[in-house]
């Protein structure tokens, strides 16, 4: 019997796994743009793909999807939409201030520690 961990993953599964593992590291009270998340996950310039992939997460996901924003800290989800209202409420509950549908990236942006070897 083979171990499921030994099975080949498709390129799409590998990309999703890299995205989810990176997203899971974004701490409460911090945000990251779609483009930066793609770059940090080793996916290059895949901001749109990140947005599409996050929009397909199951409703009960534990991943902090609400911490991912558009370029310049813009909240992409519309005001008044269920997911947009949930995103704003979650961010505020973590102490993230929102002004004119934007988050101050300089103040709340996630900057993982660079490891030099």
C-alpha atoms as a PDB file:
ATOM      1  CA  UNK A   1       0.000   0.000   0.000  1.00  0.00           C
ATOM      2  CA  UNK A   2       1.365   3.431  -0.879  1.00  0.00           C
ATOM      3  CA  UNK A   3       1.479   6.445   1.376  1.00  0.00           C
ATOM      4  CA  UNK A   4      -0.788   9.231  -0.008  1.00  0.00           C
ATOM      5  CA  UNK A   5       2.021  11.713   0.731  1.00  0.00           C
ATOM      6  CA  UNK A   6       4.204   9.857  -1.801  1.00  0.00           C
ATOM      7  CA  UNK A   7       1.720  10.283  -4.650  1.00  0.00           C
ATOM      8  CA  UNK A   8       2.502  12.779  -7.399  1.00  0.00           C
ATOM      9  CA  UNK A   9       0.727  16.095  -7.061  1.00  0.00           C
ATOM     10  CA  UNK A  10      -0.403  17.907 -10.183  1.00  0.00           C
ATOM     11  CA  UNK A  11       1.189  21.306 -10.894  1.00  0.00           C
ATOM     12  CA  UNK A  12      -2.148  22.940  -9.966  1.00  0.00           C
ATOM     13  CA  UNK A  13      -2.207  21.130  -6.602  1.00  0.00           C
ATOM     14  CA  UNK A  14       1.397  22.162  -5.933  1.00  0.00           C
ATOM     15  CA  UNK A  15       0.544  25.816  -6.693  1.00  0.00           C
ATOM     16  CA  UNK A  16      -2.528  25.731  -4.432  1.00  0.00           C
ATOM     17  CA  UNK A  17      -0.563  24.083  -1.621  1.00  0.00           C
ATOM     18  CA  UNK A  18       2.170  26.738  -1.849  1.00  0.00           C
ATOM     19  CA  UNK A  19      -0.493  29.462  -1.764  1.00  0.00           C
ATOM     20  CA  UNK A  20      -2.345  27.973   1.225  1.00  0.00           C
ATOM     21  CA  UNK A  21       0.833  27.348   3.237  1.00  0.00           C
ATOM     22  CA  UNK A  22       1.959  30.946   2.688  1.00  0.00           C
ATOM     23  CA  UNK A  23      -1.478  32.414   3.445  1.00  0.00           C
ATOM     24  CA  UNK A  24      -1.674  30.396   6.678  1.00  0.00           C
ATOM     25  CA  UNK A  25       1.412  32.274   7.931  1.00  0.00           C
ATOM     26  CA  UNK A  26      -0.120  35.775   7.675  1.00  0.00           C
ATOM     27  CA  UNK A  27      -0.611  36.799  11.328  1.00  0.00           C
ATOM     28  CA  UNK A  28      -3.700  38.460  12.801  1.00  0.00           C
ATOM     29  CA  UNK A  29      -3.622  42.227  12.421  1.00  0.00           C
ATOM     30  CA  UNK A  30      -1.540  42.022   9.225  1.00  0.00           C
ATOM     31  CA  UNK A  31      -2.536  42.128   5.578  1.00  0.00           C
ATOM     32  CA  UNK A  32      -0.878  41.196   2.288  1.00  0.00           C
ATOM     33  CA  UNK A  33      -1.758  42.042  -1.306  1.00  0.00           C
ATOM     34  CA  UNK A  34      -2.744  39.379  -3.840  1.00  0.00           C
ATOM     35  CA  UNK A  35       0.452  40.110  -5.770  1.00  0.00           C
ATOM     36  CA  UNK A  36       2.741  39.968  -2.731  1.00  0.00           C
ATOM     37  CA  UNK A  37       1.109  36.720  -1.590  1.00  0.00           C
ATOM     38  CA  UNK A  38       1.735  35.193  -5.040  1.00  0.00           C
ATOM     39  CA  UNK A  39       5.375  36.335  -4.932  1.00  0.00           C
ATOM     40  CA  UNK A  40       5.941  35.063  -1.368  1.00  0.00           C
ATOM     41  CA  UNK A  41       4.442  31.688  -2.319  1.00  0.00           C
ATOM     42  CA  UNK A  42       6.877  31.415  -5.231  1.00  0.00           C
ATOM     43  CA  UNK A  43       4.141  31.822  -7.844  1.00  0.00           C
ATOM     44  CA  UNK A  44       5.556  34.867  -9.613  1.00  0.00           C
ATOM     45  CA  UNK A  45       3.114  37.445 -10.945  1.00  0.00           C
ATOM     46  CA  UNK A  46      -0.065  35.468 -10.310  1.00  0.00           C
ATOM     47  CA  UNK A  47      -2.177  38.009  -8.405  1.00  0.00           C
ATOM     48  CA  UNK A  48      -5.328  37.318 -10.451  1.00  0.00           C
ATOM     49  CA  UNK A  49      -4.901  33.569 -10.040  1.00  0.00           C
ATOM     50  CA  UNK A  50      -4.549  34.063  -6.266  1.00  0.00           C
ATOM     51  CA  UNK A  51      -7.790  36.058  -6.204  1.00  0.00           C
ATOM     52  CA  UNK A  52      -9.668  33.439  -8.219  1.00  0.00           C
ATOM     53  CA  UNK A  53      -8.313  30.595  -6.096  1.00  0.00           C
ATOM     54  CA  UNK A  54      -9.210  32.306  -2.802  1.00  0.00           C
ATOM     55  CA  UNK A  55     -12.724  33.010  -4.082  1.00  0.00           C
ATOM     56  CA  UNK A  56     -13.207  29.226  -4.402  1.00  0.00           C
ATOM     57  CA  UNK A  57     -12.295  28.385  -0.782  1.00  0.00           C
ATOM     58  CA  UNK A  58     -15.008  26.539   1.144  1.00  0.00           C
ATOM     59  CA  UNK A  59     -17.100  28.672   3.497  1.00  0.00           C
ATOM     60  CA  UNK A  60     -15.749  26.924   6.588  1.00  0.00           C
ATOM     61  CA  UNK A  61     -12.059  27.383   5.688  1.00  0.00           C
ATOM     62  CA  UNK A  62      -9.670  28.215   8.519  1.00  0.00           C
ATOM     63  CA  UNK A  63      -7.345  30.088   6.140  1.00  0.00           C
ATOM     64  CA  UNK A  64      -7.214  33.854   6.807  1.00  0.00           C
ATOM     65  CA  UNK A  65      -8.474  34.869   3.343  1.00  0.00           C
ATOM     66  CA  UNK A  66      -9.727  38.152   4.794  1.00  0.00           C
ATOM     67  CA  UNK A  67      -6.126  39.354   5.232  1.00  0.00           C
ATOM     68  CA  UNK A  68      -5.521  39.444   1.459  1.00  0.00           C
ATOM     69  CA  UNK A  69      -6.165  42.786  -0.246  1.00  0.00           C
ATOM     70  CA  UNK A  70      -5.821  44.426  -3.616  1.00  0.00           C
ATOM     71  CA  UNK A  71      -2.845  46.554  -4.580  1.00  0.00           C
ATOM     72  CA  UNK A  72      -2.191  49.505  -2.286  1.00  0.00           C
ATOM     73  CA  UNK A  73      -4.329  48.033   0.492  1.00  0.00           C
ATOM     74  CA  UNK A  74      -7.619  48.304  -1.405  1.00  0.00           C
ATOM     75  CA  UNK A  75     -10.411  46.002  -0.258  1.00  0.00           C
ATOM     76  CA  UNK A  76     -11.556  44.292  -3.448  1.00  0.00           C
ATOM     77  CA  UNK A  77     -14.835  42.835  -2.214  1.00  0.00           C
ATOM     78  CA  UNK A  78     -17.801  45.208  -2.600  1.00  0.00           C
ATOM     79  CA  UNK A  79     -19.272  47.076   0.364  1.00  0.00           C
ATOM     80  CA  UNK A  80     -22.654  45.531   1.157  1.00  0.00           C
ATOM     81  CA  UNK A  81     -21.734  42.057  -0.124  1.00  0.00           C
ATOM     82  CA  UNK A  82     -21.777  39.255   2.456  1.00  0.00           C
ATOM     83  CA  UNK A  83     -18.110  38.373   1.900  1.00  0.00           C
ATOM     84  CA  UNK A  84     -17.059  42.038   1.779  1.00  0.00           C
ATOM     85  CA  UNK A  85     -18.848  42.832   5.035  1.00  0.00           C
ATOM     86  CA  UNK A  86     -17.346  39.726   6.643  1.00  0.00           C
ATOM     87  CA  UNK A  87     -13.855  40.713   5.487  1.00  0.00           C
ATOM     88  CA  UNK A  88     -14.184  44.224   6.923  1.00  0.00           C
ATOM     89  CA  UNK A  89     -15.593  42.919  10.227  1.00  0.00           C
ATOM     90  CA  UNK A  90     -12.804  40.337  10.596  1.00  0.00           C
ATOM     91  CA  UNK A  91     -10.088  42.894   9.852  1.00  0.00           C
ATOM     92  CA  UNK A  92     -11.544  45.400  12.328  1.00  0.00           C
ATOM     93  CA  UNK A  93     -11.788  42.691  15.008  1.00  0.00           C
ATOM     94  CA  UNK A  94      -8.027  42.147  14.551  1.00  0.00           C
ATOM     95  CA  UNK A  95      -7.316  45.858  15.055  1.00  0.00           C
ATOM     96  CA  UNK A  96      -6.851  46.722  11.380  1.00  0.00           C
ATOM     97  CA  UNK A  97      -8.149  50.192  10.593  1.00  0.00           C
ATOM     98  CA  UNK A  98     -10.000  50.727   7.319  1.00  0.00           C
ATOM     99  CA  UNK A  99     -10.366  54.191   5.805  1.00  0.00           C
ATOM    100  CA  UNK A 100     -12.029  54.874   2.442  1.00  0.00           C
ATOM    101  CA  UNK A 101     -12.100  51.144   1.694  1.00  0.00           C
ATOM    102  CA  UNK A 102      -8.311  50.899   2.170  1.00  0.00           C
ATOM    103  CA  UNK A 103      -5.944  49.527   4.774  1.00  0.00           C
ATOM    104  CA  UNK A 104      -2.668  51.339   5.510  1.00  0.00           C
ATOM    105  CA  UNK A 105      -0.153  48.852   4.102  1.00  0.00           C
ATOM    106  CA  UNK A 106       2.779  50.632   5.758  1.00  0.00           C
ATOM    107  CA  UNK A 107       1.153  50.102   9.144  1.00  0.00           C
ATOM    108  CA  UNK A 108      -0.512  46.697   8.702  1.00  0.00           C
ATOM    109  CA  UNK A 109       1.422  45.089   5.834  1.00  0.00           C
ATOM    110  CA  UNK A 110       2.938  41.683   6.552  1.00  0.00           C
ATOM    111  CA  UNK A 111       6.680  41.523   6.018  1.00  0.00           C
ATOM    112  CA  UNK A 112       7.963  38.030   6.712  1.00  0.00           C
ATOM    113  CA  UNK A 113      11.533  37.926   7.962  1.00  0.00           C
ATOM    114  CA  UNK A 114      13.966  37.351   5.126  1.00  0.00           C
ATOM    115  CA  UNK A 115      16.325  34.480   5.842  1.00  0.00           C
ATOM    116  CA  UNK A 116      19.790  34.905   4.442  1.00  0.00           C
ATOM    117  CA  UNK A 117      21.874  31.797   4.167  1.00  0.00           C
END
